[in-house]
Amino acid sequence: LSPLAGMVPGYATAGALMYVAVLMTSSLGSME
C-alpha cells in the first residue's frame, strides 16, 4: 500500500501526534 502511504500529508499525521500527547500527559493525574 505504499502509494496510499505516500499521499498522506504531514498535517494529517500531526493530529495523531497530538492525540498520543494527550494520552501520555494524562499520566500526570496519578501524581501525588
PDB file of all heavy atoms in Angstrom:
ATOM      1  N   LEU A   1       0.826  -1.221   0.000  1.00  0.00           N
ATOM      2  CA  LEU A   1       0.000   0.000   0.000  1.00  0.00           C
ATOM      3  C   LEU A   1       0.857   1.267   0.000  1.00  0.00           C
ATOM      4  O   LEU A   1       0.417   2.317   0.468  1.00  0.00           O
ATOM      5  CB  LEU A   1      -0.921  -0.003   1.231  1.00  0.00           C
ATOM      6  CG  LEU A   1      -1.893  -1.169   1.350  1.00  0.00           C
ATOM      7  CD1 LEU A   1      -2.695  -1.061   2.646  1.00  0.00           C
ATOM      8  CD2 LEU A   1      -2.828  -1.229   0.152  1.00  0.00           C
ATOM      9  N   SER A   2       2.067   1.187  -0.524  1.00  0.00           N
ATOM     10  CA  SER A   2       2.976   2.343  -0.479  1.00  0.00           C
ATOM     11  C   SER A   2       2.441   3.582  -1.203  1.00  0.00           C
ATOM     12  O   SER A   2       2.663   4.705  -0.730  1.00  0.00           O
ATOM     13  CB  SER A   2       4.346   1.959  -1.036  1.00  0.00           C
ATOM     14  OG  SER A   2       4.251   1.487  -2.360  1.00  0.00           O
ATOM     15  N   PRO A   3       1.723   3.467  -2.349  1.00  0.00           N
ATOM     16  CA  PRO A   3       1.186   4.692  -2.968  1.00  0.00           C
ATOM     17  C   PRO A   3       0.201   5.415  -2.052  1.00  0.00           C
ATOM     18  O   PRO A   3       0.179   6.647  -2.005  1.00  0.00           O
ATOM     19  CB  PRO A   3       0.492   4.164  -4.229  1.00  0.00           C
ATOM     20  CG  PRO A   3       1.145   2.866  -4.521  1.00  0.00           C
ATOM     21  CD  PRO A   3       1.446   2.276  -3.174  1.00  0.00           C
ATOM     22  N   LEU A   4      -0.597   4.641  -1.330  1.00  0.00           N
ATOM     23  CA  LEU A   4      -1.555   5.240  -0.392  1.00  0.00           C
ATOM     24  C   LEU A   4      -0.823   5.966   0.719  1.00  0.00           C
ATOM     25  O   LEU A   4      -1.189   7.087   1.100  1.00  0.00           O
ATOM     26  CB  LEU A   4      -2.456   4.146   0.183  1.00  0.00           C
ATOM     27  CG  LEU A   4      -3.582   4.593   1.121  1.00  0.00           C
ATOM     28  CD1 LEU A   4      -4.557   5.492   0.380  1.00  0.00           C
ATOM     29  CD2 LEU A   4      -4.303   3.380   1.683  1.00  0.00           C
ATOM     30  N   ALA A   5       0.225   5.344   1.246  1.00  0.00           N
ATOM     31  CA  ALA A   5       1.003   5.977   2.316  1.00  0.00           C
ATOM     32  C   ALA A   5       1.681   7.243   1.825  1.00  0.00           C
ATOM     33  O   ALA A   5       1.794   8.228   2.559  1.00  0.00           O
ATOM     34  CB  ALA A   5       2.055   4.997   2.842  1.00  0.00           C
ATOM     35  N   GLY A   6       2.111   7.243   0.570  1.00  0.00           N
ATOM     36  CA  GLY A   6       2.792   8.408   0.026  1.00  0.00           C
ATOM     37  C   GLY A   6       1.889   9.605  -0.154  1.00  0.00           C
ATOM     38  O   GLY A   6       2.368  10.739  -0.253  1.00  0.00           O
ATOM     39  N   MET A   7       0.590   9.391  -0.207  1.00  0.00           N
ATOM     40  CA  MET A   7      -0.350  10.501  -0.382  1.00  0.00           C
ATOM     41  C   MET A   7      -0.648  11.231   0.916  1.00  0.00           C
ATOM     42  O   MET A   7      -1.151  12.357   0.893  1.00  0.00           O
ATOM     43  CB  MET A   7      -1.664   9.973  -0.966  1.00  0.00           C
ATOM     44  CG  MET A   7      -1.644   9.719  -2.452  1.00  0.00           C
ATOM     45  SD  MET A   7      -3.320   9.453  -3.085  1.00  0.00           S
ATOM     46  CE  MET A   7      -3.777   7.955  -2.248  1.00  0.00           C
ATOM     47  N   VAL A   8      -0.389  10.611   2.057  1.00  0.00           N
ATOM     48  CA  VAL A   8      -0.784  11.201   3.341  1.00  0.00           C
ATOM     49  C   VAL A   8       0.080  12.420   3.642  1.00  0.00           C
ATOM     50  O   VAL A   8       1.297  12.316   3.772  1.00  0.00           O
ATOM     51  CB  VAL A   8      -0.647  10.173   4.475  1.00  0.00           C
ATOM     52  CG1 VAL A   8      -0.980  10.810   5.818  1.00  0.00           C
ATOM     53  CG2 VAL A   8      -1.548   8.965   4.218  1.00  0.00           C
ATOM     54  N   PRO A   9      -0.522  13.618   3.766  1.00  0.00           N
ATOM     55  CA  PRO A   9       0.268  14.825   4.057  1.00  0.00           C
ATOM     56  C   PRO A   9       0.667  14.899   5.522  1.00  0.00           C
ATOM     57  O   PRO A   9       0.052  14.249   6.383  1.00  0.00           O
ATOM     58  CB  PRO A   9      -0.707  15.956   3.700  1.00  0.00           C
ATOM     59  CG  PRO A   9      -2.064  15.368   3.933  1.00  0.00           C
ATOM     60  CD  PRO A   9      -1.945  13.903   3.579  1.00  0.00           C
ATOM     61  N   GLY A  10       1.685  15.684   5.811  1.00  0.00           N
ATOM     62  CA  GLY A  10       2.188  15.795   7.178  1.00  0.00           C
ATOM     63  C   GLY A  10       1.151  16.273   8.169  1.00  0.00           C
ATOM     64  O   GLY A  10       1.121  15.813   9.318  1.00  0.00           O
ATOM     65  N   TYR A  11       0.289  17.196   7.752  1.00  0.00           N
ATOM     66  CA  TYR A  11      -0.691  17.728   8.701  1.00  0.00           C
ATOM     67  C   TYR A  11      -1.754  16.694   9.051  1.00  0.00           C
ATOM     68  O   TYR A  11      -2.431  16.805  10.071  1.00  0.00           O
ATOM     69  CB  TYR A  11      -1.333  19.020   8.187  1.00  0.00           C
ATOM     70  CG  TYR A  11      -1.789  18.993   6.739  1.00  0.00           C
ATOM     71  CD1 TYR A  11      -2.949  18.336   6.356  1.00  0.00           C
ATOM     72  CD2 TYR A  11      -1.063  19.651   5.759  1.00  0.00           C
ATOM     73  CE1 TYR A  11      -3.380  18.323   5.040  1.00  0.00           C
ATOM     74  CE2 TYR A  11      -1.472  19.642   4.428  1.00  0.00           C
ATOM     75  CZ  TYR A  11      -2.628  18.985   4.067  1.00  0.00           C
ATOM     76  OH  TYR A  11      -3.039  18.974   2.766  1.00  0.00           O
ATOM     77  N   ALA A  12      -1.919  15.662   8.211  1.00  0.00           N
ATOM     78  CA  ALA A  12      -2.881  14.605   8.540  1.00  0.00           C
ATOM     79  C   ALA A  12      -2.372  13.736   9.676  1.00  0.00           C
ATOM     80  O   ALA A  12      -3.159  13.179  10.440  1.00  0.00           O
ATOM     81  CB  ALA A  12      -3.154  13.738   7.308  1.00  0.00           C
ATOM     82  N   THR A  13      -1.056  13.613   9.797  1.00  0.00           N
ATOM     83  CA  THR A  13      -0.486  12.812  10.883  1.00  0.00           C
ATOM     84  C   THR A  13      -0.172  13.650  12.120  1.00  0.00           C
ATOM     85  O   THR A  13       0.070  13.095  13.192  1.00  0.00           O
ATOM     86  CB  THR A  13       0.808  12.127  10.416  1.00  0.00           C
ATOM     87  OG1 THR A  13       1.768  13.105  10.025  1.00  0.00           O
ATOM     88  CG2 THR A  13       0.536  11.200   9.244  1.00  0.00           C
ATOM     89  N   ALA A  14      -0.175  14.978  11.981  1.00  0.00           N
ATOM     90  CA  ALA A  14       0.097  15.847  13.132  1.00  0.00           C
ATOM     91  C   ALA A  14      -0.955  15.652  14.220  1.00  0.00           C
ATOM     92  O   ALA A  14      -0.645  15.677  15.416  1.00  0.00           O
ATOM     93  CB  ALA A  14       0.138  17.315  12.693  1.00  0.00           C
ATOM     94  N   GLY A  15      -2.200  15.444  13.813  1.00  0.00           N
ATOM     95  CA  GLY A  15      -3.256  15.210  14.793  1.00  0.00           C
ATOM     96  C   GLY A  15      -3.013  13.955  15.592  1.00  0.00           C
ATOM     97  O   GLY A  15      -3.297  13.906  16.795  1.00  0.00           O
ATOM     98  N   ALA A  16      -2.462  12.917  14.930  1.00  0.00           N
ATOM     99  CA  ALA A  16      -2.152  11.669  15.636  1.00  0.00           C
ATOM    100  C   ALA A  16      -1.082  11.898  16.695  1.00  0.00           C
ATOM    101  O   ALA A  16      -1.158  11.364  17.805  1.00  0.00           O
ATOM    102  CB  ALA A  16      -1.695  10.609  14.644  1.00  0.00           C
ATOM    103  N   LEU A  17      -0.075  12.699  16.368  1.00  0.00           N
ATOM    104  CA  LEU A  17       0.980  13.003  17.338  1.00  0.00           C
ATOM    105  C   LEU A  17       0.404  13.721  18.551  1.00  0.00           C
ATOM    106  O   LEU A  17       0.737  13.408  19.700  1.00  0.00           O
ATOM    107  CB  LEU A  17       2.065  13.862  16.695  1.00  0.00           C
ATOM    108  CG  LEU A  17       2.960  13.198  15.648  1.00  0.00           C
ATOM    109  CD1 LEU A  17       3.950  14.215  15.088  1.00  0.00           C
ATOM    110  CD2 LEU A  17       3.702  12.018  16.234  1.00  0.00           C
ATOM    111  N   MET A  18      -0.461  14.695  18.298  1.00  0.00           N
ATOM    112  CA  MET A  18      -1.032  15.456  19.410  1.00  0.00           C
ATOM    113  C   MET A  18      -1.999  14.595  20.238  1.00  0.00           C
ATOM    114  O   MET A  18      -2.114  14.773  21.449  1.00  0.00           O
ATOM    115  CB  MET A  18      -1.725  16.713  18.875  1.00  0.00           C
ATOM    116  CG  MET A  18      -0.729  17.748  18.339  1.00  0.00           C
ATOM    117  SD  MET A  18      -1.492  19.299  17.817  1.00  0.00           S
ATOM    118  CE  MET A  18      -2.078  18.862  16.175  1.00  0.00           C
ATOM    119  N   TYR A  19      -2.663  13.653  19.587  1.00  0.00           N
ATOM    120  CA  TYR A  19      -3.545  12.731  20.304  1.00  0.00           C
ATOM    121  C   TYR A  19      -2.737  11.830  21.235  1.00  0.00           C
ATOM    122  O   TYR A  19      -3.103  11.629  22.401  1.00  0.00           O
ATOM    123  CB  TYR A  19      -4.333  11.890  19.304  1.00  0.00           C
ATOM    124  CG  TYR A  19      -5.066  10.720  19.923  1.00  0.00           C
ATOM    125  CD1 TYR A  19      -6.124  10.926  20.802  1.00  0.00           C
ATOM    126  CD2 TYR A  19      -4.704   9.414  19.618  1.00  0.00           C
ATOM    127  CE1 TYR A  19      -6.805   9.858  21.362  1.00  0.00           C
ATOM    128  CE2 TYR A  19      -5.382   8.339  20.172  1.00  0.00           C
ATOM    129  CZ  TYR A  19      -6.433   8.567  21.048  1.00  0.00           C
ATOM    130  OH  TYR A  19      -7.093   7.509  21.611  1.00  0.00           O
ATOM    131  N   VAL A  20      -1.626  11.291  20.740  1.00  0.00           N
ATOM    132  CA  VAL A  20      -0.754  10.481  21.589  1.00  0.00           C
ATOM    133  C   VAL A  20      -0.251  11.321  22.758  1.00  0.00           C
ATOM    134  O   VAL A  20      -0.121  10.834  23.887  1.00  0.00           O
ATOM    135  CB  VAL A  20       0.426   9.918  20.778  1.00  0.00           C
ATOM    136  CG1 VAL A  20       1.413   9.188  21.684  1.00  0.00           C
ATOM    137  CG2 VAL A  20      -0.075   8.950  19.704  1.00  0.00           C
ATOM    138  N   ALA A  21       0.008  12.608  22.500  1.00  0.00           N
ATOM    139  CA  ALA A  21       0.447  13.506  23.569  1.00  0.00           C
ATOM    140  C   ALA A  21      -0.615  13.630  24.663  1.00  0.00           C
ATOM    141  O   ALA A  21      -0.291  13.648  25.862  1.00  0.00           O
ATOM    142  CB  ALA A  21       0.755  14.885  22.988  1.00  0.00           C
ATOM    143  N   VAL A  22      -1.872  13.695  24.267  1.00  0.00           N
ATOM    144  CA  VAL A  22      -2.964  13.771  25.242  1.00  0.00           C
ATOM    145  C   VAL A  22      -2.966  12.532  26.130  1.00  0.00           C
ATOM    146  O   VAL A  22      -3.083  12.611  27.359  1.00  0.00           O
ATOM    147  CB  VAL A  22      -4.323  13.920  24.529  1.00  0.00           C
ATOM    148  CG1 VAL A  22      -5.471  13.799  25.529  1.00  0.00           C
ATOM    149  CG2 VAL A  22      -4.408  15.257  23.806  1.00  0.00           C
ATOM    150  N   LEU A  23      -2.816  11.366  25.502  1.00  0.00           N
ATOM    151  CA  LEU A  23      -2.827  10.114  26.260  1.00  0.00           C
ATOM    152  C   LEU A  23      -1.649  10.032  27.225  1.00  0.00           C
ATOM    153  O   LEU A  23      -1.794   9.596  28.369  1.00  0.00           O
ATOM    154  CB  LEU A  23      -2.791   8.924  25.304  1.00  0.00           C
ATOM    155  CG  LEU A  23      -3.968   8.769  24.327  1.00  0.00           C
ATOM    156  CD1 LEU A  23      -3.772   7.525  23.468  1.00  0.00           C
ATOM    157  CD2 LEU A  23      -5.288   8.696  25.083  1.00  0.00           C
ATOM    158  N   MET A  24      -0.475  10.465  26.771  1.00  0.00           N
ATOM    159  CA  MET A  24       0.730  10.318  27.587  1.00  0.00           C
ATOM    160  C   MET A  24       0.768  11.329  28.734  1.00  0.00           C
ATOM    161  O   MET A  24       1.187  11.004  29.845  1.00  0.00           O
ATOM    162  CB  MET A  24       1.976  10.444  26.715  1.00  0.00           C
ATOM    163  CG  MET A  24       2.080   9.348  25.666  1.00  0.00           C
ATOM    164  SD  MET A  24       3.595   9.394  24.685  1.00  0.00           S
ATOM    165  CE  MET A  24       4.754   8.656  25.840  1.00  0.00           C
ATOM    166  N   THR A  25       0.343  12.538  28.490  1.00  0.00           N
ATOM    167  CA  THR A  25       0.369  13.537  29.555  1.00  0.00           C
ATOM    168  C   THR A  25      -0.698  13.281  30.613  1.00  0.00           C
ATOM    169  O   THR A  25      -0.610  13.799  31.728  1.00  0.00           O
ATOM    170  CB  THR A  25       0.194  14.967  28.994  1.00  0.00           C
ATOM    171  OG1 THR A  25      -0.973  15.013  28.162  1.00  0.00           O
ATOM    172  CG2 THR A  25       1.398  15.384  28.183  1.00  0.00           C
ATOM    173  N   SER A  26      -1.689  12.452  30.286  1.00  0.00           N
ATOM    174  CA  SER A  26      -2.729  12.142  31.276  1.00  0.00           C
ATOM    175  C   SER A  26      -2.157  11.374  32.465  1.00  0.00           C
ATOM    176  O   SER A  26      -2.790  11.307  33.520  1.00  0.00           O
ATOM    177  CB  SER A  26      -3.853  11.329  30.627  1.00  0.00           C
ATOM    178  OG  SER A  26      -3.389  10.055  30.208  1.00  0.00           O
ATOM    179  N   SER A  27      -0.956  10.822  32.314  1.00  0.00           N
ATOM    180  CA  SER A  27      -0.329  10.097  33.423  1.00  0.00           C
ATOM    181  C   SER A  27      -0.048  11.012  34.614  1.00  0.00           C
ATOM    182  O   SER A  27       0.094  10.546  35.747  1.00  0.00           O
ATOM    183  CB  SER A  27       0.984   9.449  32.965  1.00  0.00           C
ATOM    184  OG  SER A  27       1.935  10.429  32.581  1.00  0.00           O
ATOM    185  N   LEU A  28       0.021  12.316  34.365  1.00  0.00           N
ATOM    186  CA  LEU A  28       0.274  13.267  35.454  1.00  0.00           C
ATOM    187  C   LEU A  28      -0.849  13.246  36.490  1.00  0.00           C
ATOM    188  O   LEU A  28      -0.657  13.667  37.635  1.00  0.00           O
ATOM    189  CB  LEU A  28       0.427  14.686  34.892  1.00  0.00           C
ATOM    190  CG  LEU A  28       1.687  14.947  34.056  1.00  0.00           C
ATOM    191  CD1 LEU A  28       1.617  16.314  33.404  1.00  0.00           C
ATOM    192  CD2 LEU A  28       2.938  14.848  34.928  1.00  0.00           C
ATOM    193  N   GLY A  29      -2.008  12.747  36.102  1.00  0.00           N
ATOM    194  CA  GLY A  29      -3.136  12.695  37.028  1.00  0.00           C
ATOM    195  C   GLY A  29      -2.928  11.745  38.191  1.00  0.00           C
ATOM    196  O   GLY A  29      -3.601  11.870  39.224  1.00  0.00           O
ATOM    197  N   SER A  30      -1.979  10.803  38.050  1.00  0.00           N
ATOM    198  CA  SER A  30      -1.735   9.847  39.128  1.00  0.00           C
ATOM    199  C   SER A  30      -0.634  10.304  40.089  1.00  0.00           C
ATOM    200  O   SER A  30      -0.257   9.562  40.994  1.00  0.00           O
ATOM    201  CB  SER A  30      -1.357   8.482  38.532  1.00  0.00           C
ATOM    202  OG  SER A  30      -0.165   8.576  37.765  1.00  0.00           O
ATOM    203  N   MET A  31      -0.136  11.520  39.904  1.00  0.00           N
ATOM    204  CA  MET A  31       0.914  12.036  40.780  1.00  0.00           C
ATOM    205  C   MET A  31       0.352  12.519  42.116  1.00  0.00           C
ATOM    206  O   MET A  31      -0.770  13.007  42.188  1.00  0.00           O
ATOM    207  CB  MET A  31       1.643  13.208  40.111  1.00  0.00           C
ATOM    208  CG  MET A  31       2.940  12.835  39.422  1.00  0.00           C
ATOM    209  SD  MET A  31       4.128  12.071  40.528  1.00  0.00           S
ATOM    210  CE  MET A  31       4.389  13.387  41.707  1.00  0.00           C
ATOM    211  N   GLU A  32       1.166  12.375  43.170  1.00  0.00           N
ATOM    212  CA  GLU A  32       0.829  12.928  44.479  1.00  0.00           C
ATOM    213  C   GLU A  32       1.472  14.317  44.550  1.00  0.00           C
ATOM    214  O   GLU A  32       2.613  14.489  44.978  1.00  0.00           O
ATOM    215  CB  GLU A  32       1.383  12.018  45.587  1.00  0.00           C
ATOM    216  CG  GLU A  32       1.054  12.501  46.992  1.00  0.00           C
ATOM    217  CD  GLU A  32      -0.425  12.710  47.221  1.00  0.00           C
ATOM    218  OE1 GLU A  32      -1.187  11.742  47.085  1.00  0.00           O
ATOM    219  OE2 GLU A  32      -0.810  13.872  47.514  1.00  0.00           O
TER     220      GLU A  32
END
